[in-house]
Amino acid sequence: MGLLVTQRSLLIALFSTILALAGSAFAQKASVPKQQDRATLASPHVQELLLLMDTDKNGKVSKQEWMKFMEAEFNRLDKDKSGELTPQEFELSKVRVRSKSFAAVGK
């Protein structure tokens, strides 16, 4: 049970950090003298998620690795195995949107 709570917390932290990194990347000027190692800039939660998702251990998460991880999360949340997540399944997952900018993605 503790591992599931930790994974949920890590997933939420990942989404928040991705948004923060995306925002800061757009804000940076094009002429940066030396690019810092992004792994060292990531929070401990993101580093843990990277270890879970980065199956080829190249320090990056590919679309394939991301989709595989998200499919496993979906399957874990889909308690009745219907292929759809109900509001009750979301409620049980304790996943919450913490950022207005994240809630506005895709709008």
N, C-alpha and C. Protein backbone atom coordinates (compact mmCIF):
# COMPACT_ATOMS: atom_id res chain seq x y z
N MET A 1 0.83 -1.19 0.00
CA MET A 1 0.00 0.00 0.00
C MET A 1 0.88 1.26 0.00
N GLY A 2 1.94 1.26 0.80
CA GLY A 2 2.84 2.41 0.86
C GLY A 2 3.50 2.70 -0.46
N LEU A 3 3.82 1.64 -1.21
CA LEU A 3 4.44 1.83 -2.53
C LEU A 3 3.47 2.50 -3.48
N LEU A 4 2.19 2.12 -3.43
CA LEU A 4 1.19 2.74 -4.31
C LEU A 4 1.03 4.21 -3.99
N VAL A 5 1.01 4.55 -2.71
CA VAL A 5 0.90 5.95 -2.30
C VAL A 5 2.11 6.72 -2.79
N THR A 6 3.29 6.12 -2.66
CA THR A 6 4.52 6.76 -3.11
C THR A 6 4.49 6.96 -4.62
N GLN A 7 4.02 5.96 -5.36
CA GLN A 7 3.95 6.10 -6.82
C GLN A 7 2.98 7.21 -7.21
N ARG A 8 1.85 7.30 -6.53
CA ARG A 8 0.90 8.36 -6.83
C ARG A 8 1.52 9.72 -6.54
N SER A 9 2.19 9.83 -5.41
CA SER A 9 2.83 11.10 -5.06
C SER A 9 3.90 11.45 -6.08
N LEU A 10 4.64 10.46 -6.50
CA LEU A 10 5.68 10.70 -7.49
C LEU A 10 5.08 11.12 -8.83
N LEU A 11 3.97 10.52 -9.20
CA LEU A 11 3.31 10.87 -10.45
C LEU A 11 2.83 12.32 -10.42
N ILE A 12 2.25 12.72 -9.32
CA ILE A 12 1.78 14.10 -9.17
C ILE A 12 2.98 15.06 -9.22
N ALA A 13 4.05 14.69 -8.52
CA ALA A 13 5.25 15.53 -8.53
C ALA A 13 5.83 15.63 -9.93
N LEU A 14 5.79 14.53 -10.67
CA LEU A 14 6.30 14.54 -12.04
C LEU A 14 5.53 15.51 -12.91
N PHE A 15 4.20 15.45 -12.86
CA PHE A 15 3.39 16.35 -13.66
C PHE A 15 3.69 17.80 -13.31
N SER A 16 3.78 18.10 -12.03
CA SER A 16 4.07 19.47 -11.60
C SER A 16 5.44 19.92 -12.09
N THR A 17 6.42 19.03 -11.97
CA THR A 17 7.78 19.38 -12.37
C THR A 17 7.90 19.53 -13.88
N ILE A 18 7.21 18.67 -14.63
CA ILE A 18 7.23 18.79 -16.09
C ILE A 18 6.71 20.15 -16.51
N LEU A 19 5.63 20.57 -15.88
CA LEU A 19 5.08 21.88 -16.22
C LEU A 19 6.04 23.00 -15.84
N ALA A 20 6.66 22.87 -14.69
CA ALA A 20 7.62 23.89 -14.27
C ALA A 20 8.82 23.94 -15.21
N LEU A 21 9.34 22.77 -15.59
CA LEU A 21 10.48 22.72 -16.50
C LEU A 21 10.11 23.27 -17.87
N ALA A 22 8.91 22.93 -18.34
CA ALA A 22 8.47 23.43 -19.64
C ALA A 22 8.37 24.95 -19.62
N GLY A 23 7.82 25.49 -18.55
CA GLY A 23 7.70 26.95 -18.44
C GLY A 23 9.05 27.63 -18.39
N SER A 24 9.98 27.06 -17.63
CA SER A 24 11.30 27.69 -17.53
C SER A 24 12.09 27.53 -18.83
N ALA A 25 11.86 26.43 -19.56
CA ALA A 25 12.55 26.23 -20.83
C ALA A 25 12.14 27.29 -21.85
N PHE A 26 10.86 27.63 -21.87
CA PHE A 26 10.39 28.66 -22.78
C PHE A 26 10.91 30.03 -22.39
N ALA A 27 11.14 30.24 -21.11
CA ALA A 27 11.57 31.54 -20.63
C ALA A 27 13.07 31.77 -20.85
N GLN A 28 13.84 30.71 -21.05
CA GLN A 28 15.28 30.85 -21.21
C GLN A 28 15.59 31.48 -22.56
N LYS A 29 16.69 32.22 -22.60
CA LYS A 29 17.14 32.81 -23.86
C LYS A 29 17.82 31.74 -24.71
N ALA A 30 17.85 31.95 -26.01
CA ALA A 30 18.40 30.97 -26.93
C ALA A 30 19.91 30.81 -26.78
N SER A 31 20.60 31.84 -26.31
CA SER A 31 22.06 31.78 -26.23
C SER A 31 22.51 31.49 -24.80
N VAL A 32 22.35 30.26 -24.39
CA VAL A 32 22.82 29.83 -23.07
C VAL A 32 24.21 29.26 -23.26
N PRO A 33 25.20 29.78 -22.53
CA PRO A 33 26.58 29.35 -22.75
C PRO A 33 26.80 27.86 -22.51
N LYS A 34 26.26 27.33 -21.41
CA LYS A 34 26.47 25.92 -21.11
C LYS A 34 25.18 25.37 -20.52
N GLN A 35 24.68 24.30 -21.13
CA GLN A 35 23.44 23.70 -20.64
C GLN A 35 23.75 22.81 -19.44
N GLN A 36 22.98 23.02 -18.36
CA GLN A 36 23.18 22.22 -17.17
C GLN A 36 22.55 20.85 -17.36
N ASP A 37 23.09 19.89 -16.64
CA ASP A 37 22.54 18.54 -16.66
C ASP A 37 21.16 18.57 -16.01
N ARG A 38 20.12 18.25 -16.77
CA ARG A 38 18.75 18.34 -16.27
C ARG A 38 18.49 17.36 -15.14
N ALA A 39 19.18 16.23 -15.13
CA ALA A 39 18.97 15.25 -14.06
C ALA A 39 19.37 15.83 -12.71
N THR A 40 20.39 16.67 -12.69
CA THR A 40 20.81 17.26 -11.43
C THR A 40 19.87 18.36 -10.99
N LEU A 41 19.09 18.94 -11.93
CA LEU A 41 18.14 19.98 -11.60
C LEU A 41 16.81 19.42 -11.09
N ALA A 42 16.55 18.16 -11.36
CA ALA A 42 15.26 17.56 -11.02
C ALA A 42 15.15 17.32 -9.52
N SER A 43 13.93 17.41 -9.03
CA SER A 43 13.68 17.13 -7.62
C SER A 43 13.88 15.65 -7.35
N PRO A 44 14.03 15.28 -6.09
CA PRO A 44 14.19 13.86 -5.76
C PRO A 44 13.01 13.01 -6.25
N HIS A 45 11.79 13.58 -6.22
CA HIS A 45 10.63 12.83 -6.70
C HIS A 45 10.74 12.54 -8.19
N VAL A 46 11.19 13.52 -8.95
CA VAL A 46 11.33 13.34 -10.39
C VAL A 46 12.44 12.34 -10.67
N GLN A 47 13.51 12.42 -9.92
CA GLN A 47 14.60 11.46 -10.10
C GLN A 47 14.12 10.03 -9.84
N GLU A 48 13.27 9.85 -8.82
CA GLU A 48 12.72 8.53 -8.54
C GLU A 48 11.83 8.05 -9.68
N LEU A 49 11.00 8.96 -10.20
CA LEU A 49 10.14 8.59 -11.32
C LEU A 49 10.98 8.24 -12.55
N LEU A 50 12.04 8.98 -12.76
CA LEU A 50 12.92 8.70 -13.89
C LEU A 50 13.47 7.28 -13.77
N LEU A 51 13.84 6.90 -12.56
CA LEU A 51 14.36 5.55 -12.35
C LEU A 51 13.28 4.50 -12.64
N LEU A 52 12.02 4.81 -12.32
CA LEU A 52 10.93 3.87 -12.60
C LEU A 52 10.60 3.78 -14.08
N MET A 53 10.63 4.91 -14.78
CA MET A 53 10.17 4.95 -16.17
C MET A 53 11.28 4.70 -17.18
N ASP A 54 12.48 5.10 -16.87
CA ASP A 54 13.60 5.04 -17.82
C ASP A 54 14.14 3.61 -17.90
N THR A 55 13.43 2.77 -18.64
CA THR A 55 13.79 1.35 -18.68
C THR A 55 15.10 1.07 -19.41
N ASP A 56 15.48 1.93 -20.36
CA ASP A 56 16.76 1.72 -21.05
C ASP A 56 17.92 2.45 -20.36
N LYS A 57 17.63 3.14 -19.26
CA LYS A 57 18.63 3.79 -18.40
C LYS A 57 19.53 4.77 -19.15
N ASN A 58 18.93 5.55 -20.07
CA ASN A 58 19.72 6.55 -20.80
C ASN A 58 19.56 7.95 -20.22
N GLY A 59 18.83 8.05 -19.08
CA GLY A 59 18.66 9.34 -18.43
C GLY A 59 17.52 10.16 -18.98
N LYS A 60 16.75 9.59 -19.90
CA LYS A 60 15.62 10.27 -20.52
C LYS A 60 14.44 9.31 -20.56
N VAL A 61 13.24 9.87 -20.66
CA VAL A 61 12.05 9.05 -20.80
C VAL A 61 11.51 9.23 -22.22
N SER A 62 11.52 8.15 -22.97
CA SER A 62 11.00 8.19 -24.34
C SER A 62 9.47 8.15 -24.30
N LYS A 63 8.87 8.46 -25.43
CA LYS A 63 7.41 8.38 -25.52
C LYS A 63 6.95 6.95 -25.22
N GLN A 64 7.68 5.98 -25.73
CA GLN A 64 7.33 4.58 -25.50
C GLN A 64 7.41 4.24 -24.01
N GLU A 65 8.47 4.69 -23.32
CA GLU A 65 8.60 4.44 -21.88
C GLU A 65 7.48 5.15 -21.12
N TRP A 66 7.18 6.39 -21.52
CA TRP A 66 6.12 7.15 -20.87
C TRP A 66 4.77 6.44 -21.02
N MET A 67 4.47 6.01 -22.25
CA MET A 67 3.19 5.37 -22.51
C MET A 67 3.07 4.04 -21.78
N LYS A 68 4.15 3.29 -21.70
CA LYS A 68 4.14 2.03 -20.97
C LYS A 68 3.86 2.26 -19.49
N PHE A 69 4.50 3.27 -18.92
CA PHE A 69 4.30 3.61 -17.51
C PHE A 69 2.85 4.07 -17.29
N MET A 70 2.37 4.95 -18.16
CA MET A 70 1.01 5.47 -18.00
C MET A 70 -0.04 4.37 -18.20
N GLU A 71 0.22 3.44 -19.10
CA GLU A 71 -0.70 2.31 -19.28
C GLU A 71 -0.76 1.47 -18.02
N ALA A 72 0.38 1.23 -17.41
CA ALA A 72 0.41 0.46 -16.16
C ALA A 72 -0.35 1.21 -15.06
N GLU A 73 -0.18 2.54 -15.00
CA GLU A 73 -0.92 3.34 -14.02
C GLU A 73 -2.42 3.27 -14.28
N PHE A 74 -2.81 3.39 -15.54
CA PHE A 74 -4.23 3.30 -15.90
C PHE A 74 -4.79 1.95 -15.47
N ASN A 75 -4.07 0.90 -15.79
CA ASN A 75 -4.53 -0.44 -15.44
C ASN A 75 -4.63 -0.62 -13.93
N ARG A 76 -3.73 0.00 -13.20
CA ARG A 76 -3.76 -0.08 -11.74
C ARG A 76 -4.99 0.65 -11.20
N LEU A 77 -5.32 1.79 -11.79
CA LEU A 77 -6.47 2.58 -11.33
C LEU A 77 -7.80 1.97 -11.76
N ASP A 78 -7.82 1.26 -12.87
CA ASP A 78 -9.05 0.68 -13.42
C ASP A 78 -9.40 -0.59 -12.64
N LYS A 79 -9.93 -0.39 -11.44
CA LYS A 79 -10.18 -1.50 -10.51
C LYS A 79 -11.15 -2.54 -11.08
N ASP A 80 -12.17 -2.08 -11.82
CA ASP A 80 -13.15 -3.02 -12.35
C ASP A 80 -12.76 -3.57 -13.73
N LYS A 81 -11.59 -3.16 -14.22
CA LYS A 81 -11.04 -3.63 -15.50
C LYS A 81 -12.02 -3.41 -16.66
N SER A 82 -12.71 -2.28 -16.63
CA SER A 82 -13.69 -1.95 -17.68
C SER A 82 -13.04 -1.25 -18.87
N GLY A 83 -11.80 -0.82 -18.72
CA GLY A 83 -11.16 -0.06 -19.79
C GLY A 83 -11.46 1.42 -19.72
N GLU A 84 -12.17 1.83 -18.68
CA GLU A 84 -12.51 3.24 -18.46
C GLU A 84 -12.33 3.55 -16.97
N LEU A 85 -11.91 4.78 -16.69
CA LEU A 85 -11.78 5.19 -15.29
C LEU A 85 -13.03 5.96 -14.89
N THR A 86 -13.66 5.50 -13.84
CA THR A 86 -14.87 6.15 -13.33
C THR A 86 -14.47 7.23 -12.33
N PRO A 87 -15.37 8.15 -12.03
CA PRO A 87 -15.07 9.13 -10.99
C PRO A 87 -14.70 8.47 -9.66
N GLN A 88 -15.32 7.35 -9.35
CA GLN A 88 -15.01 6.65 -8.11
C GLN A 88 -13.58 6.11 -8.12
N GLU A 89 -13.14 5.59 -9.27
CA GLU A 89 -11.77 5.09 -9.36
C GLU A 89 -10.76 6.23 -9.22
N PHE A 90 -11.09 7.38 -9.80
CA PHE A 90 -10.23 8.55 -9.62
C PHE A 90 -10.19 8.96 -8.15
N GLU A 91 -11.35 8.96 -7.52
CA GLU A 91 -11.42 9.35 -6.11
C GLU A 91 -10.56 8.42 -5.25
N LEU A 92 -10.64 7.14 -5.51
CA LEU A 92 -9.84 6.17 -4.77
C LEU A 92 -8.34 6.36 -5.01
N SER A 93 -7.98 6.87 -6.19
CA SER A 93 -6.56 7.02 -6.54
C SER A 93 -5.90 8.17 -5.80
N LYS A 94 -6.70 9.12 -5.33
CA LYS A 94 -6.20 10.32 -4.64
C LYS A 94 -5.38 11.22 -5.54
N VAL A 95 -5.46 11.04 -6.86
CA VAL A 95 -4.78 11.92 -7.81
C VAL A 95 -5.51 13.25 -7.84
N ARG A 96 -4.77 14.32 -7.70
CA ARG A 96 -5.35 15.66 -7.68
C ARG A 96 -4.53 16.59 -8.57
N VAL A 97 -5.20 17.54 -9.20
CA VAL A 97 -4.53 18.58 -9.97
C VAL A 97 -4.14 19.67 -8.98
N ARG A 98 -2.87 20.00 -8.96
CA ARG A 98 -2.37 20.98 -7.99
C ARG A 98 -2.05 22.33 -8.60
N SER A 99 -2.06 22.41 -9.90
CA SER A 99 -1.64 23.64 -10.56
C SER A 99 -2.70 24.08 -11.55
N LYS A 100 -3.01 25.38 -11.54
CA LYS A 100 -3.98 25.91 -12.50
C LYS A 100 -3.47 25.70 -13.92
N SER A 101 -2.18 25.88 -14.13
CA SER A 101 -1.63 25.74 -15.47
C SER A 101 -1.79 24.31 -15.97
N PHE A 102 -1.68 23.32 -15.08
CA PHE A 102 -1.86 21.94 -15.49
C PHE A 102 -3.31 21.69 -15.87
N ALA A 103 -4.25 22.25 -15.12
CA ALA A 103 -5.67 22.08 -15.41
C ALA A 103 -6.04 22.71 -16.75
N ALA A 104 -5.29 23.71 -17.17
CA ALA A 104 -5.60 24.42 -18.41
C ALA A 104 -4.94 23.78 -19.63
N VAL A 105 -4.11 22.77 -19.45
CA VAL A 105 -3.44 22.12 -20.57
C VAL A 105 -4.48 21.52 -21.49
N GLY A 106 -4.36 21.79 -22.76
CA GLY A 106 -5.28 21.25 -23.75
C GLY A 106 -6.51 22.10 -23.98
N LYS A 107 -6.63 23.21 -23.29
CA LYS A 107 -7.80 24.09 -23.47
C LYS A 107 -7.47 25.20 -24.42
